[in-house]
């Protein structure tokens, strides 16, 4: 089928019957699509549909195996196409890890690369850098090492980096993921301003609500193929969107009886109801304090949401619990009634925790089969180095079936889509039935169907009482009814909010105003 859009300007990029392949998987066979000057496109599709692969093919990062891909304007070549995606963040952090190892073994520890240095070393024009820094509010981040940035802060730096070369075409793959309300609004306004000044956009997303007003055209992927292309008003219709949103899985409520049985616990300490206790905790990097004199207690039977703008310390706070932030040992932090650093090992703690986070996802960079990633949750390892029991393997298979990803069991984790990776990490966290489940934006990167399923799953887990939740989110609609308390972090301090039961609670209706 030849998908043509209404002609506005000259052709910029033409795809004529192309097919893509990643490893042994064929994607979007026989795709035809034309991008013309003056058009701003959204690629809309569910998790694993091939939308990111299509964007990367336009950039020139993935070869097409059939058909033709024509760039009619030399300025639309790969060097003049800006690209921002989570995978790019992975690549930069991996390169920085290798550089840090080389410095260490060479006896020259030096200092970690800062956000400002990364922008300058890309031969950016200082005037343009200054304008972008002001526009995106990046001044407070420039002296931070890349490893100290939150996921949302890193995304802002990547967008500024992509804009340094004044690209002819800018591809933004799920750009709003990990951003607080204020940052999402700022980014949407920034992207709109760029479009108004002549930078063409391709926005890749699974959220219909993220197709910002300046997007003129939409390419919709359904059933593994390009289902429709054209003007926004012709593609985003109530009938088309109803079909798009219902194409995936049946409602989770109909599947809850098949919820995998929890693994047997052997570590629960019934002598204390304290899961987490922090007393006068202060975390700082140099002269920059992330938070100061924080007092926080999490008890059994409580489910906490942790909210706040990017950079307020949410991910740092979770690192104090998981042990990923070494400043936990310089503070008074208690886990399961025991003080951090007094006799327990990090493995003793992790056996009782389940974790889902963008940072954990970054650690799985190698071609490990997805099923092994899930099984590794029993051993809290990155990769599988021990033989699983039959019971452990069977429980992993139950989670694959429950989440509707059995067909991805043997696919390398690093070849899964962003959303598919997130589902695998949720299964990895839950196979051992943890006492405390830590969720750092678990719905980030998920399409609407999977998002609803995960939220219903988290509600089921949190309301049963055997596993308690600590849950970070930037989205009001993701504050599930089982949340009993909110820790609201702010640049100037923090606030603890106790919640009434139920979904309509005025005390948690604050995220829409946060960070503005």
Foldseek 3Di string as FASTA:
>chain_A
DAAEADDDAAWFKWFAQWWFDDDHDIFAGGDTYTDHFLAAEEEAAFFPLCLVVVVCVQLVNTPTPDTDMDGPDPLSHNVQEFEADLVVVLVVVVVQVVVCVVCVVVVHNDDADFLQNVLVVVVFDPVLLVVLCVLQVPVVRRRPHPVPFFPLNNLSSSVSSSPRVVHQEYEYELSCFPFFLVNLVSVLVVVLVSSVVRRHYYYYDNDPVSCHPVRFKYFYGDPRHGPHIYGPVVQPDPVNVVCRQPRDDPFLVVVVVLQFDADDDDQQDPPAQWAKWFAQDWDADVPRTLAGGDTDTDGFLAAEEEEAGGSNCPVVVVCLQLVVDVCVLVGAMDGSRHTPPDPDDSQSRLQQEQEFDSVLLSLQQDQAFLLQLLLCLNVVDNGDDDDDDPVSSVLSCSLCVSLVNNVRRGGGLNPGGPLVNLSSSVSSRGRNPHQEYEEAPSCRPGRPRSSSNVLVVVLVSLVVRSHYYYYYDSDLQSPHQSHQKYWYGYNVHIDIGGFDGDDDTVVSPCSNVHPD
